[in-house]
Protein backbone atom coordinates (compact mmCIF):
# COMPACT_ATOMS: atom_id res chain seq x y z
CA MET A 1 4.29 -84.09 6.08
CA GLY A 2 7.41 -84.40 3.86
CA LYS A 3 8.15 -85.49 0.35
CA ASN A 4 6.38 -88.48 -1.16
CA ARG A 5 8.85 -91.25 -1.96
CA LEU A 6 9.33 -93.59 -4.88
CA HIS A 7 9.87 -97.22 -3.84
CA LEU A 8 11.29 -99.74 -6.30
CA TYR A 9 11.17 -103.51 -5.81
CA THR A 10 13.14 -105.18 -8.58
CA GLY A 11 15.37 -108.16 -9.31
CA ASN A 12 14.84 -111.72 -10.52
CA GLY A 13 13.72 -113.16 -7.19
CA LYS A 14 10.26 -113.96 -5.91
CA GLY A 15 8.60 -111.50 -3.56
CA LYS A 16 8.46 -108.11 -5.29
CA THR A 17 4.67 -108.00 -5.44
CA THR A 18 4.45 -109.52 -1.97
CA ALA A 19 6.60 -106.70 -0.58
CA ALA A 20 4.47 -104.07 -2.33
CA MET A 21 1.24 -105.60 -1.04
CA GLY A 22 2.71 -105.71 2.47
CA LEU A 23 3.38 -101.99 2.25
CA ALA A 24 -0.21 -101.49 1.05
CA LEU A 25 -1.50 -103.51 4.00
CA ARG A 26 0.59 -101.41 6.39
CA MET A 27 -0.84 -98.20 4.93
CA LEU A 28 -4.40 -99.54 5.11
CA GLY A 29 -3.79 -100.56 8.72
CA HIS A 30 -3.13 -96.89 9.46
CA GLY A 31 -6.42 -95.93 7.83
CA GLU A 32 -4.81 -94.37 4.76
CA LYS A 33 -6.23 -94.64 1.24
CA THR A 34 -4.33 -96.95 -1.10
CA LEU A 35 -4.65 -97.50 -4.84
CA ILE A 36 -3.29 -100.63 -6.49
CA THR A 37 -3.01 -101.56 -10.13
CA GLN A 38 -1.24 -104.44 -11.82
CA PHE A 39 0.38 -104.42 -15.23
CA MET A 40 1.25 -107.72 -16.93
CA LYS A 41 -1.26 -109.63 -14.75
CA ASP A 42 -4.88 -110.67 -15.15
CA GLY A 43 -6.20 -109.37 -11.81
CA THR A 44 -7.00 -112.77 -10.31
CA SER A 45 -4.23 -112.92 -7.71
CA GLY A 46 -5.11 -113.77 -4.12
CA GLU A 47 -3.61 -110.58 -2.72
CA ILE A 48 -5.81 -108.44 -4.96
CA MET A 49 -8.91 -110.41 -4.01
CA ALA A 50 -8.11 -110.08 -0.30
CA LEU A 51 -7.08 -106.41 -0.34
CA SER A 52 -10.17 -105.45 -2.35
CA THR A 53 -12.35 -106.42 0.62
CA LEU A 54 -10.76 -103.82 2.91
CA PRO A 55 -11.89 -100.22 3.37
CA ASN A 56 -9.83 -97.37 1.88
CA VAL A 57 -8.45 -99.46 -0.97
CA LYS A 58 -9.16 -99.03 -4.66
CA ILE A 59 -8.12 -101.65 -7.16
CA PHE A 60 -7.73 -100.14 -10.62
CA GLU A 61 -8.40 -102.86 -13.16
CA GLY A 62 -7.70 -100.99 -16.38
CA ALA A 63 -4.18 -102.25 -16.92
CA ARG A 64 -4.96 -105.99 -16.92
CA MET A 65 -3.06 -108.29 -19.25
CA GLN A 66 -4.76 -110.77 -21.54
CA GLY A 67 -2.35 -113.60 -22.38
CA PHE A 68 1.40 -113.89 -22.40
CA ILE A 69 3.37 -111.25 -24.25
CA TRP A 70 5.78 -113.74 -25.81
CA ARG A 71 2.80 -115.49 -27.45
CA MET A 72 1.35 -112.31 -28.97
CA GLY A 73 1.66 -111.28 -32.56
CA GLU A 74 2.43 -107.70 -33.53
CA THR A 75 -1.28 -106.87 -33.93
CA GLN A 76 -2.06 -108.13 -30.40
CA LEU A 77 0.95 -106.26 -29.00
CA GLU A 78 -0.12 -103.00 -30.61
CA LYS A 79 -3.65 -103.47 -29.24
CA ALA A 80 -2.22 -104.08 -25.75
CA ARG A 81 -0.04 -100.95 -26.07
CA LEU A 82 -3.06 -98.83 -27.00
CA GLU A 83 -5.12 -100.32 -24.17
CA ASN A 84 -2.33 -99.56 -21.69
CA ALA A 85 -2.05 -95.97 -22.95
CA GLY A 86 -5.76 -95.46 -22.36
CA ALA A 87 -5.63 -97.22 -19.00
CA ILE A 88 -2.81 -94.96 -17.82
CA MET A 89 -4.84 -91.86 -18.65
CA ARG A 90 -7.83 -93.25 -16.71
CA LEU A 91 -5.53 -94.32 -13.87
CA MET A 92 -4.12 -90.80 -13.52
CA ASP A 93 -7.69 -89.46 -13.34
CA GLU A 94 -8.50 -92.08 -10.70
CA ILE A 95 -5.46 -91.08 -8.63
CA ARG A 96 -6.50 -87.43 -8.75
CA ALA A 97 -10.07 -88.26 -7.74
CA PHE A 98 -9.24 -90.78 -4.98
CA GLU A 99 -6.16 -88.99 -3.59
CA PRO A 100 -4.45 -92.09 -2.17
CA ARG A 101 -1.50 -91.87 0.22
CA LEU A 102 0.02 -94.99 -1.40
CA ILE A 103 -0.07 -96.00 -5.04
CA VAL A 104 1.18 -99.45 -6.07
CA LEU A 105 2.13 -99.83 -9.74
CA ASP A 106 2.79 -103.56 -9.76
CA GLU A 107 4.93 -104.85 -12.65
CA LEU A 108 5.23 -101.41 -14.25
CA ALA A 109 9.00 -101.91 -14.62
CA VAL A 110 8.37 -104.99 -16.78
CA ALA A 111 5.66 -103.25 -18.81
CA ILE A 112 8.18 -100.50 -19.61
CA ALA A 113 10.97 -102.97 -20.43
CA VAL A 114 8.83 -104.94 -22.90
CA ARG A 115 7.46 -101.70 -24.37
CA LEU A 116 3.83 -102.22 -23.44
CA VAL A 117 4.04 -98.84 -21.71
CA THR A 118 6.18 -96.02 -23.04
CA GLU A 119 8.71 -94.43 -20.71
CA GLU A 120 7.01 -91.07 -21.23
CA ALA A 121 3.62 -92.44 -20.15
CA ALA A 122 5.19 -94.24 -17.19
CA TRP A 123 6.88 -91.04 -15.99
CA ARG A 124 3.66 -89.05 -16.32
CA LEU A 125 1.93 -91.73 -14.25
CA ILE A 126 4.68 -91.86 -11.61
CA ASP A 127 4.82 -88.06 -11.36
CA THR A 128 1.04 -87.88 -10.94
CA ALA A 129 1.11 -90.61 -8.28
CA LEU A 130 3.91 -88.88 -6.37
CA GLU A 131 1.80 -85.73 -6.12
CA TYR A 132 -0.56 -87.65 -3.82
CA GLY A 133 1.50 -90.22 -1.95
CA ASP A 134 4.34 -92.66 -1.80
CA THR A 135 4.49 -94.70 -4.98
CA VAL A 136 5.70 -98.25 -5.45
CA VAL A 137 6.92 -99.67 -8.75
CA THR A 138 7.66 -103.37 -8.96
CA GLY A 139 9.09 -105.65 -11.61
CA ARG A 140 12.20 -107.09 -13.13
CA TYR A 141 14.29 -105.13 -15.59
CA ALA A 142 14.03 -101.74 -13.90
CA GLY A 143 15.77 -99.26 -16.18
CA GLU A 144 18.55 -96.87 -15.21
CA LYS A 145 16.23 -93.83 -15.03
CA LEU A 146 13.88 -95.62 -12.66
CA VAL A 147 16.74 -96.77 -10.47
CA ALA A 148 18.24 -93.26 -10.42
CA ARG A 149 14.91 -91.67 -9.47
CA ALA A 150 13.88 -94.14 -6.75
CA ASP A 151 14.20 -93.13 -3.10
CA TYR A 152 14.10 -96.75 -1.89
CA ILE A 153 15.40 -99.72 -3.86
CA SER A 154 15.04 -103.33 -2.83
CA ARG A 155 16.64 -105.88 -5.14
CA ILE A 156 15.13 -109.27 -4.64
CA GLU A 157 17.42 -111.96 -5.98
CA ALA A 158 16.70 -115.64 -6.47
CA GLU A 159 18.99 -118.16 -4.84
CA LYS A 160 16.80 -121.21 -5.17
CA HIS A 161 13.35 -121.86 -6.65
CA PRO A 162 11.43 -125.11 -7.30
CA PHE A 163 10.91 -123.97 -10.91
CA GLU A 164 14.61 -124.65 -11.49
CA GLU A 165 13.90 -128.28 -10.62
CA GLY A 166 11.10 -128.48 -13.17
CA GLN A 167 8.23 -127.97 -10.74
CA PRO A 168 5.32 -125.88 -12.08
CA ALA A 169 3.91 -122.83 -10.31
CA ARG A 170 1.31 -123.48 -7.61
CA ARG A 171 -1.53 -121.18 -8.62
CA GLY A 172 -3.31 -119.71 -5.63
CA ILE A 173 -0.80 -120.86 -3.05
CA GLU A 174 2.45 -119.57 -4.54
CA PHE A 175 4.17 -118.23 -1.45
């Protein structure tokens, strides 16, 4: 079967998570087990709700975000860091138990960049995931080490977005 690959979807454009979820859907369509977790998000996205209804998918909810990081005080940030450290340990156990062929670590690049997840913990998680299957990391601000290690890199850049014109996000139908 060949080496498991690290996929990186990064850049400031819209569509990184969408690309990762499309890859998950492709894997599920081939009957392969897929594990998805989201960092920096609250777990209420439409793609998570839809994918969770399919067989062979496991949604790991331990890395959920409560609130916006830029609104957190140092006490809240430290609590979030500790929660993420514990979640990563449980996530690695879940990967070992479930043995997925695809692991999606949505927004992990951002969680590393804003120091909610240490680089050391992120690499332990990525290495564990790669033992079992292809692994996808998404998010802006992908660091040099992540870029150097990735087998596939897709940079998604914004050319135009309604937000630039002052329009708010369309929750639930943002596509």
